[in-house]
Amino acid sequence: MVGLSIVSSAAGCGTREELEPLRLEGSRLTVNNRTKEAWEDVQVIVNRQYRVATPSIRSGQRVDISLDAFLDVYGNHFYYQRQQIRDVHLTAKSASGAPVDMHMDFHRSGLSGLADVGVFKKKETQ
């Protein structure tokens, strides 16, 4: 897959830095499998539209993905320099068959920052 590089984590001297499972740095998204099981059929979706897939990510493995590698259903690339990232969603299956589902949290500001707060909270269904 274009724009995807795999880096195995190596144990080093000193204290280990706690790695976030999903991390954005410039034009690169890093996926860290911090679990004890490999992930199979991994899909990462940006803004609910642009997708990258990889067959697996081993336990302890880090995968760096260029944001330009994400494509929509029409083959259009995500353009990091012109588009804002609002949502990152990863889905996969663990080696034991359990689903892996994670979202990257984004801080919202302005009126959208009020969503789900106070009187704007969604009503719970009973």
Protein backbone atom coordinates (compact mmCIF):
# COMPACT_ATOMS: atom_id res chain seq x y z
CA MET A 1 0.00 0.00 0.00
CA VAL A 2 1.35 3.43 -0.90
CA GLY A 3 2.33 5.74 1.95
CA LEU A 4 2.32 3.07 4.64
CA SER A 5 5.47 2.19 6.51
CA ILE A 6 5.78 -0.32 9.30
CA VAL A 7 8.12 0.15 12.23
CA SER A 8 8.56 -2.47 14.93
CA SER A 9 8.96 -1.09 18.42
CA ALA A 10 12.28 -1.98 19.95
CA ALA A 11 12.91 -2.11 23.68
CA GLY A 12 15.41 0.53 24.66
CA CYS A 13 17.19 1.74 27.75
CA GLY A 14 15.50 4.07 30.19
CA THR A 15 11.81 4.75 30.62
CA ARG A 16 9.33 3.82 27.96
CA GLU A 17 7.17 6.57 26.55
CA GLU A 18 3.46 5.69 26.62
CA LEU A 19 2.35 5.70 22.98
CA GLU A 20 -1.12 6.79 21.99
CA PRO A 21 -2.94 4.26 19.78
CA LEU A 22 -3.71 6.98 17.18
CA ARG A 23 -1.44 10.01 16.78
CA LEU A 24 -1.39 12.83 14.22
CA GLU A 25 1.92 14.55 13.51
CA GLY A 26 1.93 16.92 10.56
CA SER A 27 0.96 15.00 7.44
CA ARG A 28 1.38 11.59 9.11
CA LEU A 29 -0.97 9.39 11.13
CA THR A 30 0.70 6.84 13.41
CA VAL A 31 -1.18 3.72 14.54
CA ASN A 32 0.29 1.91 17.56
CA ASN A 33 -0.93 -1.58 18.45
CA ARG A 34 -0.33 -1.55 22.20
CA THR A 35 -2.35 -4.72 22.78
CA LYS A 36 -0.98 -8.24 23.27
CA GLU A 37 -2.75 -9.50 20.13
CA ALA A 38 -2.26 -8.84 16.44
CA TRP A 39 -4.96 -6.91 14.57
CA GLU A 40 -6.31 -8.34 11.32
CA ASP A 41 -8.25 -6.59 8.49
CA VAL A 42 -7.31 -3.13 9.75
CA GLN A 43 -9.12 -0.11 8.28
CA VAL A 44 -8.47 3.51 9.17
CA ILE A 45 -11.02 6.08 8.03
CA VAL A 46 -10.51 9.86 8.12
CA ASN A 47 -13.52 12.20 8.13
CA ARG A 48 -15.83 9.22 7.50
CA GLN A 49 -14.81 9.35 3.85
CA TYR A 50 -11.12 8.63 3.23
CA ARG A 51 -9.82 5.11 3.87
CA VAL A 52 -6.61 3.10 4.14
CA ALA A 53 -6.50 -0.65 4.81
CA THR A 54 -3.77 -3.09 5.77
CA PRO A 55 -4.04 -6.86 6.29
CA SER A 56 -2.55 -6.84 9.80
CA ILE A 57 -0.65 -4.97 12.50
CA ARG A 58 1.30 -7.18 14.91
CA SER A 59 1.29 -6.69 18.68
CA GLY A 60 3.68 -3.88 19.62
CA GLN A 61 3.99 -2.72 16.00
CA ARG A 62 3.74 0.88 14.84
CA VAL A 63 2.41 1.84 11.41
CA ASP A 64 3.01 5.30 9.91
CA ILE A 65 0.55 6.39 7.22
CA SER A 66 0.92 9.46 5.04
CA LEU A 67 -2.38 11.37 5.04
CA ASP A 68 -2.05 11.69 1.26
CA ALA A 69 -2.44 7.88 1.04
CA PHE A 70 -6.08 8.02 2.19
CA LEU A 71 -8.57 7.66 -0.69
CA ASP A 72 -12.33 8.09 -0.97
CA VAL A 73 -14.58 5.72 -2.98
CA TYR A 74 -13.94 7.74 -6.14
CA GLY A 75 -10.15 7.51 -5.84
CA ASN A 76 -9.68 11.10 -4.64
CA HIS A 77 -6.84 11.66 -2.16
CA PHE A 78 -7.21 13.38 1.19
CA TYR A 79 -5.24 16.62 0.83
CA TYR A 80 -3.71 17.43 4.19
CA GLN A 81 -2.78 20.97 3.21
CA ARG A 82 -6.34 21.88 2.17
CA GLN A 83 -8.59 19.77 4.41
CA GLN A 84 -9.20 19.70 8.14
CA ILE A 85 -9.29 16.40 10.02
CA ARG A 86 -12.40 16.08 12.15
CA ASP A 87 -12.59 12.33 12.70
CA VAL A 88 -10.22 9.34 12.73
CA HIS A 89 -11.73 5.86 13.18
CA LEU A 90 -9.89 2.52 13.28
CA THR A 91 -11.61 -0.86 12.97
CA ALA A 92 -10.05 -4.33 12.99
CA LYS A 93 -10.36 -7.80 14.46
CA SER A 94 -8.01 -9.09 17.14
CA ALA A 95 -6.34 -12.47 16.71
CA SER A 96 -8.95 -13.94 19.09
CA GLY A 97 -11.76 -12.59 16.87
CA ALA A 98 -12.83 -9.73 19.15
CA PRO A 99 -13.63 -6.45 17.36
CA VAL A 100 -11.19 -3.54 17.67
CA ASP A 101 -12.93 -0.16 17.38
CA MET A 102 -11.31 3.14 18.33
CA HIS A 103 -11.80 6.82 17.60
CA MET A 104 -9.33 9.65 17.95
CA ASP A 105 -10.60 12.39 20.24
CA PHE A 106 -10.60 15.94 18.92
CA HIS A 107 -11.23 19.01 21.02
CA ARG A 108 -14.06 21.05 19.55
CA SER A 109 -14.31 24.81 19.94
CA GLY A 110 -16.95 27.42 19.30
CA LEU A 111 -20.57 26.29 19.01
CA SER A 112 -19.62 22.74 18.08
CA GLY A 113 -17.74 22.59 21.41
CA LEU A 114 -21.10 22.94 23.16
CA ALA A 115 -22.49 19.77 21.60
CA ASP A 116 -23.39 17.13 24.17
CA VAL A 117 -22.80 19.55 27.07
CA GLY A 118 -25.41 20.81 29.54
CA VAL A 119 -28.77 21.55 27.91
CA PHE A 120 -27.34 20.42 24.56
CA LYS A 121 -26.79 16.85 25.82
CA LYS A 122 -28.43 14.14 23.79
CA LYS A 123 -31.48 12.66 25.45
CA GLU A 124 -30.92 9.13 26.65
CA THR A 125 -33.27 6.50 25.33
CA GLN A 126 -34.83 4.17 27.85
